[in-house]
């Protein structure tokens, strides 16, 4: 496997793991029994905010990895044709 593919796979796996974690936390916190607990309501709000930020960061990391892989491929192509 090429190095750029390994990095891309790692970013994708990390993003999937993050999504699973967020889903698991949402499941636990969505219990109606916890609706009356102010701390849980605050935690839910923070979770949503943090999860959104983390998703945005993961998307940016994946885009950066793709850009770097493309740049490396172009550089290798130029080198091979010189």
PDB file of N, CA and C in Angstrom:
ATOM      1  N   UNK A   1       0.843  -1.177   0.000  1.00  0.00           N
ATOM      2  CA  UNK A   1       0.000   0.000   0.000  1.00  0.00           C
ATOM      3  C   UNK A   1       0.888   1.240   0.000  1.00  0.00           C
ATOM      4  N   UNK A   2       0.518   2.205  -0.817  1.00  0.00           N
ATOM      5  CA  UNK A   2       1.308   3.435  -0.873  1.00  0.00           C
ATOM      6  C   UNK A   2       1.092   4.260   0.374  1.00  0.00           C
ATOM      7  N   UNK A   3       2.106   5.070   0.681  1.00  0.00           N
ATOM      8  CA  UNK A   3       2.081   5.868   1.899  1.00  0.00           C
ATOM      9  C   UNK A   3       0.867   6.796   1.944  1.00  0.00           C
ATOM     10  N   UNK A   4       0.528   7.434   0.827  1.00  0.00           N
ATOM     11  CA  UNK A   4      -0.606   8.355   0.813  1.00  0.00           C
ATOM     12  C   UNK A   4      -1.910   7.618   1.077  1.00  0.00           C
ATOM     13  N   UNK A   5      -2.032   6.392   0.559  1.00  0.00           N
ATOM     14  CA  UNK A   5      -3.241   5.614   0.811  1.00  0.00           C
ATOM     15  C   UNK A   5      -3.333   5.224   2.280  1.00  0.00           C
ATOM     16  N   UNK A   6      -2.183   4.885   2.887  1.00  0.00           N
ATOM     17  CA  UNK A   6      -2.183   4.508   4.294  1.00  0.00           C
ATOM     18  C   UNK A   6      -2.632   5.685   5.153  1.00  0.00           C
ATOM     19  N   UNK A   7      -2.147   6.885   4.839  1.00  0.00           N
ATOM     20  CA  UNK A   7      -2.533   8.076   5.604  1.00  0.00           C
ATOM     21  C   UNK A   7      -4.014   8.347   5.424  1.00  0.00           C
ATOM     22  N   UNK A   8      -4.485   8.259   4.208  1.00  0.00           N
ATOM     23  CA  UNK A   8      -5.901   8.489   3.921  1.00  0.00           C
ATOM     24  C   UNK A   8      -6.766   7.471   4.654  1.00  0.00           C
ATOM     25  N   UNK A   9      -6.329   6.205   4.654  1.00  0.00           N
ATOM     26  CA  UNK A   9      -7.077   5.164   5.365  1.00  0.00           C
ATOM     27  C   UNK A   9      -7.095   5.438   6.861  1.00  0.00           C
ATOM     28  N   UNK A  10      -5.979   5.922   7.397  1.00  0.00           N
ATOM     29  CA  UNK A  10      -5.904   6.229   8.820  1.00  0.00           C
ATOM     30  C   UNK A  10      -6.849   7.363   9.177  1.00  0.00           C
ATOM     31  N   UNK A  11      -6.889   8.396   8.355  1.00  0.00           N
ATOM     32  CA  UNK A  11      -7.791   9.525   8.590  1.00  0.00           C
ATOM     33  C   UNK A  11      -9.239   9.041   8.520  1.00  0.00           C
ATOM     34  N   UNK A  12      -9.536   8.220   7.524  1.00  0.00           N
ATOM     35  CA  UNK A  12     -10.900   7.715   7.372  1.00  0.00           C
ATOM     36  C   UNK A  12     -11.298   6.852   8.570  1.00  0.00           C
ATOM     37  N   UNK A  13     -10.387   5.998   9.023  1.00  0.00           N
ATOM     38  CA  UNK A  13     -10.670   5.145  10.181  1.00  0.00           C
ATOM     39  C   UNK A  13     -10.894   5.992  11.424  1.00  0.00           C
ATOM     40  N   UNK A  14     -10.065   7.012  11.614  1.00  0.00           N
ATOM     41  CA  UNK A  14     -10.226   7.900  12.769  1.00  0.00           C
ATOM     42  C   UNK A  14     -11.575   8.608  12.710  1.00  0.00           C
ATOM     43  N   UNK A  15     -11.973   9.029  11.530  1.00  0.00           N
ATOM     44  CA  UNK A  15     -13.257   9.711  11.373  1.00  0.00           C
ATOM     45  C   UNK A  15     -14.404   8.747  11.693  1.00  0.00           C
ATOM     46  N   UNK A  16     -14.296   7.506  11.227  1.00  0.00           N
ATOM     47  CA  UNK A  16     -15.337   6.512  11.514  1.00  0.00           C
ATOM     48  C   UNK A  16     -15.407   6.216  13.014  1.00  0.00           C
ATOM     49  N   UNK A  17     -14.244   6.100  13.650  1.00  0.00           N
ATOM     50  CA  UNK A  17     -14.212   5.851  15.094  1.00  0.00           C
ATOM     51  C   UNK A  17     -14.847   7.009  15.859  1.00  0.00           C
ATOM     52  N   UNK A  18     -14.557   8.219  15.433  1.00  0.00           N
ATOM     53  CA  UNK A  18     -15.134   9.399  16.071  1.00  0.00           C
ATOM     54  C   UNK A  18     -16.653   9.396  15.915  1.00  0.00           C
ATOM     55  N   UNK A  19     -17.135   9.100  14.721  1.00  0.00           N
ATOM     56  CA  UNK A  19     -18.578   9.059  14.489  1.00  0.00           C
ATOM     57  C   UNK A  19     -19.244   7.996  15.360  1.00  0.00           C
ATOM     58  N   UNK A  20     -18.584   6.853  15.514  1.00  0.00           N
ATOM     59  CA  UNK A  20     -19.137   5.784  16.362  1.00  0.00           C
ATOM     60  C   UNK A  20     -19.183   6.236  17.814  1.00  0.00           C
ATOM     61  N   UNK A  21     -18.110   6.859  18.282  1.00  0.00           N
ATOM     62  CA  UNK A  21     -18.076   7.349  19.653  1.00  0.00           C
ATOM     63  C   UNK A  21     -19.188   8.364  19.901  1.00  0.00           C
ATOM     64  N   UNK A  22     -19.339   9.302  18.999  1.00  0.00           N
ATOM     65  CA  UNK A  22     -20.378  10.324  19.139  1.00  0.00           C
ATOM     66  C   UNK A  22     -21.753   9.654  19.151  1.00  0.00           C
ATOM     67  N   UNK A  23     -21.956   8.682  18.268  1.00  0.00           N
ATOM     68  CA  UNK A  23     -23.231   7.966  18.245  1.00  0.00           C
ATOM     69  C   UNK A  23     -23.499   7.242  19.556  1.00  0.00           C
ATOM     70  N   UNK A  24     -22.460   6.598  20.090  1.00  0.00           N
ATOM     71  CA  UNK A  24     -22.612   5.899  21.369  1.00  0.00           C
ATOM     72  C   UNK A  24     -22.950   6.878  22.495  1.00  0.00           C
ATOM     73  N   UNK A  25     -22.274   8.009  22.520  1.00  0.00           N
ATOM     74  CA  UNK A  25     -22.553   9.016  23.553  1.00  0.00           C
ATOM     75  C   UNK A  25     -23.967   9.564  23.421  1.00  0.00           C
ATOM     76  N   UNK A  26     -24.387   9.810  22.196  1.00  0.00           N
ATOM     77  CA  UNK A  26     -25.757  10.297  21.977  1.00  0.00           C
ATOM     78  C   UNK A  26     -26.772   9.272  22.483  1.00  0.00           C
ATOM     79  N   UNK A  27     -26.504   7.997  22.224  1.00  0.00           N
ATOM     80  CA  UNK A  27     -27.424   6.949  22.684  1.00  0.00           C
ATOM     81  C   UNK A  27     -27.561   6.959  24.200  1.00  0.00           C
ATOM     82  N   UNK A  28     -26.430   7.061  24.876  1.00  0.00           N
ATOM     83  CA  UNK A  28     -26.458   7.071  26.342  1.00  0.00           C
ATOM     84  C   UNK A  28     -27.175   8.322  26.849  1.00  0.00           C
ATOM     85  N   UNK A  29     -26.852   9.446  26.263  1.00  0.00           N
ATOM     86  CA  UNK A  29     -27.404  10.712  26.758  1.00  0.00           C
ATOM     87  C   UNK A  29     -28.846  10.952  26.329  1.00  0.00           C
ATOM     88  N   UNK A  30     -29.355  10.172  25.403  1.00  0.00           N
ATOM     89  CA  UNK A  30     -30.715  10.402  24.909  1.00  0.00           C
ATOM     90  C   UNK A  30     -31.779   9.775  25.797  1.00  0.00           C
ATOM     91  N   UNK A  31     -31.366   9.096  26.827  1.00  0.00           N
ATOM     92  CA  UNK A  31     -32.315   8.466  27.736  1.00  0.00           C
ATOM     93  C   UNK A  31     -33.281   9.515  28.284  1.00  0.00           C
ATOM     94  N   UNK A  32     -34.562   9.250  28.126  1.00  0.00           N
ATOM     95  CA  UNK A  32     -35.585  10.186  28.623  1.00  0.00           C
ATOM     96  C   UNK A  32     -35.515  10.334  30.138  1.00  0.00           C
ATOM     97  N   UNK A  33     -34.974   9.317  30.818  1.00  0.00           N
ATOM     98  CA  UNK A  33     -34.831   9.397  32.273  1.00  0.00           C
ATOM     99  C   UNK A  33     -33.899  10.527  32.686  1.00  0.00           C
ATOM    100  N   UNK A  34     -33.046  10.962  31.756  1.00  0.00           N
ATOM    101  CA  UNK A  34     -32.056  11.995  32.069  1.00  0.00           C
ATOM    102  C   UNK A  34     -32.508  13.398  31.674  1.00  0.00           C
ATOM    103  N   UNK A  35     -33.698  13.524  31.084  1.00  0.00           N
ATOM    104  CA  UNK A  35     -34.168  14.822  30.598  1.00  0.00           C
ATOM    105  C   UNK A  35     -34.248  15.886  31.687  1.00  0.00           C
ATOM    106  N   UNK A  36     -34.519  15.494  32.902  1.00  0.00           N
ATOM    107  CA  UNK A  36     -34.671  16.475  33.977  1.00  0.00           C
ATOM    108  C   UNK A  36     -33.369  16.888  34.637  1.00  0.00           C
ATOM    109  N   UNK A  37     -32.260  16.327  34.203  1.00  0.00           N
ATOM    110  CA  UNK A  37     -30.966  16.642  34.835  1.00  0.00           C
ATOM    111  C   UNK A  37     -30.298  17.781  34.058  1.00  0.00           C
ATOM    112  N   UNK A  38     -30.178  18.955  34.679  1.00  0.00           N
ATOM    113  CA  UNK A  38     -29.601  20.109  33.965  1.00  0.00           C
ATOM    114  C   UNK A  38     -28.198  19.838  33.425  1.00  0.00           C
ATOM    115  N   UNK A  39     -27.402  19.108  34.177  1.00  0.00           N
ATOM    116  CA  UNK A  39     -26.041  18.815  33.732  1.00  0.00           C
ATOM    117  C   UNK A  39     -26.043  17.978  32.456  1.00  0.00           C
ATOM    118  N   UNK A  40     -27.011  17.079  32.337  1.00  0.00           N
ATOM    119  CA  UNK A  40     -27.119  16.252  31.131  1.00  0.00           C
ATOM    120  C   UNK A  40     -27.532  17.111  29.944  1.00  0.00           C
ATOM    121  N   UNK A  41     -28.457  18.021  30.154  1.00  0.00           N
ATOM    122  CA  UNK A  41     -28.849  18.934  29.061  1.00  0.00           C
ATOM    123  C   UNK A  41     -27.646  19.747  28.591  1.00  0.00           C
ATOM    124  N   UNK A  42     -26.856  20.241  29.538  1.00  0.00           N
ATOM    125  CA  UNK A  42     -25.658  21.010  29.185  1.00  0.00           C
ATOM    126  C   UNK A  42     -24.644  20.118  28.469  1.00  0.00           C
ATOM    127  N   UNK A  43     -24.488  18.890  28.944  1.00  0.00           N
ATOM    128  CA  UNK A  43     -23.559  17.960  28.318  1.00  0.00           C
ATOM    129  C   UNK A  43     -24.003  17.628  26.891  1.00  0.00           C
ATOM    130  N   UNK A  44     -25.303  17.455  26.690  1.00  0.00           N
ATOM    131  CA  UNK A  44     -25.823  17.208  25.337  1.00  0.00           C
ATOM    132  C   UNK A  44     -25.467  18.351  24.389  1.00  0.00           C
ATOM    133  N   UNK A  45     -25.649  19.566  24.866  1.00  0.00           N
ATOM    134  CA  UNK A  45     -25.351  20.742  24.036  1.00  0.00           C
ATOM    135  C   UNK A  45     -23.862  20.804  23.707  1.00  0.00           C
ATOM    136  N   UNK A  46     -23.019  20.558  24.713  1.00  0.00           N
ATOM    137  CA  UNK A  46     -21.566  20.572  24.475  1.00  0.00           C
ATOM    138  C   UNK A  46     -21.157  19.462  23.520  1.00  0.00           C
ATOM    139  N   UNK A  47     -21.771  18.307  23.669  1.00  0.00           N
ATOM    140  CA  UNK A  47     -21.472  17.178  22.787  1.00  0.00           C
ATOM    141  C   UNK A  47     -21.795  17.531  21.338  1.00  0.00           C
ATOM    142  N   UNK A  48     -22.940  18.127  21.114  1.00  0.00           N
ATOM    143  CA  UNK A  48     -23.322  18.509  19.753  1.00  0.00           C
ATOM    144  C   UNK A  48     -22.334  19.514  19.167  1.00  0.00           C
ATOM    145  N   UNK A  49     -21.953  20.489  19.968  1.00  0.00           N
ATOM    146  CA  UNK A  49     -21.014  21.505  19.512  1.00  0.00           C
ATOM    147  C   UNK A  49     -19.643  20.894  19.217  1.00  0.00           C
ATOM    148  N   UNK A  50     -19.150  20.105  20.141  1.00  0.00           N
ATOM    149  CA  UNK A  50     -17.838  19.477  19.982  1.00  0.00           C
ATOM    150  C   UNK A  50     -17.828  18.493  18.817  1.00  0.00           C
ATOM    151  N   UNK A  51     -18.897  17.723  18.683  1.00  0.00           N
ATOM    152  CA  UNK A  51     -18.972  16.752  17.584  1.00  0.00           C
ATOM    153  C   UNK A  51     -18.959  17.470  16.238  1.00  0.00           C
ATOM    154  N   UNK A  52     -19.653  18.576  16.151  1.00  0.00           N
ATOM    155  CA  UNK A  52     -19.638  19.348  14.912  1.00  0.00           C
ATOM    156  C   UNK A  52     -18.248  19.867  14.593  1.00  0.00           C
ATOM    157  N   UNK A  53     -17.574  20.384  15.601  1.00  0.00           N
ATOM    158  CA  UNK A  53     -16.197  20.869  15.403  1.00  0.00           C
ATOM    159  C   UNK A  53     -15.263  19.736  15.002  1.00  0.00           C
ATOM    160  N   UNK A  54     -15.419  18.589  15.656  1.00  0.00           N
ATOM    161  CA  UNK A  54     -14.557  17.436  15.350  1.00  0.00           C
ATOM    162  C   UNK A  54     -14.806  16.947  13.925  1.00  0.00           C
ATOM    163  N   UNK A  55     -16.073  16.917  13.512  1.00  0.00           N
ATOM    164  CA  UNK A  55     -16.385  16.514  12.139  1.00  0.00           C
ATOM    165  C   UNK A  55     -15.747  17.466  11.139  1.00  0.00           C
ATOM    166  N   UNK A  56     -15.860  18.747  11.408  1.00  0.00           N
ATOM    167  CA  UNK A  56     -15.253  19.739  10.515  1.00  0.00           C
ATOM    168  C   UNK A  56     -13.745  19.535  10.422  1.00  0.00           C
ATOM    169  N   UNK A  57     -13.101  19.281  11.562  1.00  0.00           N
ATOM    170  CA  UNK A  57     -11.661  19.049  11.575  1.00  0.00           C
ATOM    171  C   UNK A  57     -11.293  17.784  10.806  1.00  0.00           C
ATOM    172  N   UNK A  58     -12.091  16.743  10.966  1.00  0.00           N
ATOM    173  CA  UNK A  58     -11.822  15.486  10.257  1.00  0.00           C
ATOM    174  C   UNK A  58     -11.967  15.669   8.752  1.00  0.00           C
ATOM    175  N   UNK A  59     -12.958  16.422   8.334  1.00  0.00           N
ATOM    176  CA  UNK A  59     -13.143  16.690   6.905  1.00  0.00           C
ATOM    177  C   UNK A  59     -11.963  17.478   6.361  1.00  0.00           C
ATOM    178  N   UNK A  60     -11.530  18.491   7.116  1.00  0.00           N
ATOM    179  CA  UNK A  60     -10.368  19.279   6.673  1.00  0.00           C
ATOM    180  C   UNK A  60      -9.122  18.404   6.588  1.00  0.00           C
ATOM    181  N   UNK A  61      -8.930  17.514   7.565  1.00  0.00           N
ATOM    182  CA  UNK A  61      -7.761  16.627   7.557  1.00  0.00           C
ATOM    183  C   UNK A  61      -7.805  15.699   6.352  1.00  0.00           C
ATOM    184  N   UNK A  62      -8.977  15.177   6.042  1.00  0.00           N
ATOM    185  CA  UNK A  62      -9.114  14.290   4.876  1.00  0.00           C
ATOM    186  C   UNK A  62      -8.850  15.055   3.583  1.00  0.00           C
ATOM    187  N   UNK A  63      -9.347  16.276   3.499  1.00  0.00           N
ATOM    188  CA  UNK A  63      -9.107  17.098   2.313  1.00  0.00           C
ATOM    189  C   UNK A  63      -7.623  17.423   2.173  1.00  0.00           C
ATOM    190  N   UNK A  64      -6.972  17.745   3.285  1.00  0.00           N
ATOM    191  CA  UNK A  64      -5.526  18.020   3.251  1.00  0.00           C
ATOM    192  C   UNK A  64      -4.744  16.789   2.822  1.00  0.00           C
ATOM    193  N   UNK A  65      -5.141  15.625   3.340  1.00  0.00           N
ATOM    194  CA  UNK A  65      -4.454  14.381   2.972  1.00  0.00           C
ATOM    195  C   UNK A  65      -4.614  14.108   1.482  1.00  0.00           C
ATOM    196  N   UNK A  66      -5.808  14.320   0.952  1.00  0.00           N
ATOM    197  CA  UNK A  66      -6.046  14.103  -0.477  1.00  0.00           C
ATOM    198  C   UNK A  66      -5.226  15.078  -1.317  1.00  0.00           C
ATOM    199  N   UNK A  67      -5.170  16.339  -0.865  1.00  0.00           N
ATOM    200  CA  UNK A  67      -4.382  17.344  -1.596  1.00  0.00           C
ATOM    201  C   UNK A  67      -2.904  16.971  -1.592  1.00  0.00           C
ATOM    202  N   UNK A  68      -2.392  16.556  -0.438  1.00  0.00           N
ATOM    203  CA  UNK A  68      -0.982  16.179  -0.338  1.00  0.00           C
ATOM    204  C   UNK A  68      -0.681  14.953  -1.190  1.00  0.00           C
ATOM    205  N   UNK A  69      -1.583  14.002  -1.207  1.00  0.00           N
ATOM    206  CA  UNK A  69      -1.383  12.804  -2.034  1.00  0.00           C
ATOM    207  C   UNK A  69      -1.357  13.174  -3.512  1.00  0.00           C
ATOM    208  N   UNK A  70      -2.234  14.075  -3.908  1.00  0.00           N
ATOM    209  CA  UNK A  70      -2.275  14.514  -5.310  1.00  0.00           C
ATOM    210  C   UNK A  70      -0.988  15.248  -5.672  1.00  0.00           C
ATOM    211  N   UNK A  71      -0.533  16.131  -4.773  1.00  0.00           N
ATOM    212  CA  UNK A  71       0.709  16.860  -5.024  1.00  0.00           C
ATOM    213  C   UNK A  71       1.895  15.900  -5.131  1.00  0.00           C
ATOM    214  N   UNK A  72       1.934  14.893  -4.263  1.00  0.00           N
ATOM    215  CA  UNK A  72       3.022  13.913  -4.303  1.00  0.00           C
ATOM    216  C   UNK A  72       2.978  13.112  -5.603  1.00  0.00           C
ATOM    217  N   UNK A  73       1.785  12.740  -6.038  1.00  0.00           N
ATOM    218  CA  UNK A  73       1.650  11.985  -7.283  1.00  0.00           C
ATOM    219  C   UNK A  73       2.091  12.829  -8.476  1.00  0.00           C
ATOM    220  N   UNK A  74       1.719  14.097  -8.476  1.00  0.00           N
ATOM    221  CA  UNK A  74       2.135  14.995  -9.563  1.00  0.00           C
ATOM    222  C   UNK A  74       3.646  15.177  -9.569  1.00  0.00           C
ATOM    223  N   UNK A  75       4.238  15.321  -8.391  1.00  0.00           N
ATOM    224  CA  UNK A  75       5.695  15.469  -8.295  1.00  0.00           C
ATOM    225  C   UNK A  75       6.395  14.202  -8.786  1.00  0.00           C
ATOM    226  N   UNK A  76       5.870  13.056  -8.405  1.00  0.00           N
ATOM    227  CA  UNK A  76       6.456  11.792  -8.860  1.00  0.00           C
ATOM    228  C   UNK A  76       6.323  11.646 -10.372  1.00  0.00           C
ATOM    229  N   UNK A  77       5.203  12.062 -10.900  1.00  0.00           N
ATOM    230  CA  UNK A  77       4.986  11.992 -12.346  1.00  0.00           C
ATOM    231  C   UNK A  77       5.957  12.911 -13.083  1.00  0.00           C
ATOM    232  N   UNK A  78       6.118  14.136 -12.576  1.00  0.00           N
ATOM    233  CA  UNK A  78       7.072  15.064 -13.190  1.00  0.00           C
ATOM    234  C   UNK A  78       8.487  14.503 -13.140  1.00  0.00           C
ATOM    235  N   UNK A  79       8.861  13.923 -11.993  1.00  0.00           N
ATOM    236  CA  UNK A  79      10.186  13.343 -11.840  1.00  0.00           C
ATOM    237  C   UNK A  79      10.395  12.190 -12.831  1.00  0.00           C
ATOM    238  N   UNK A  80       9.385  11.347 -12.971  1.00  0.00           N
ATOM    239  CA  UNK A  80       9.490  10.180 -13.852  1.00  0.00           C
ATOM    240  C   UNK A  80       9.609  10.598 -15.317  1.00  0.00           C
ATOM    241  N   UNK A  81       9.066  11.744 -15.661  1.00  0.00           N
ATOM    242  CA  UNK A  81       9.076  12.181 -17.047  1.00  0.00           C
ATOM    243  C   UNK A  81      10.175  13.187 -17.357  1.00  0.00           C
ATOM    244  N   UNK A  82      11.018  13.484 -16.404  1.00  0.00           N
ATOM    245  CA  UNK A  82      12.155  14.382 -16.645  1.00  0.00           C
ATOM    246  C   UNK A  82      13.311  13.634 -17.243  1.00  0.00           C
TER     247      UNK A  82
END
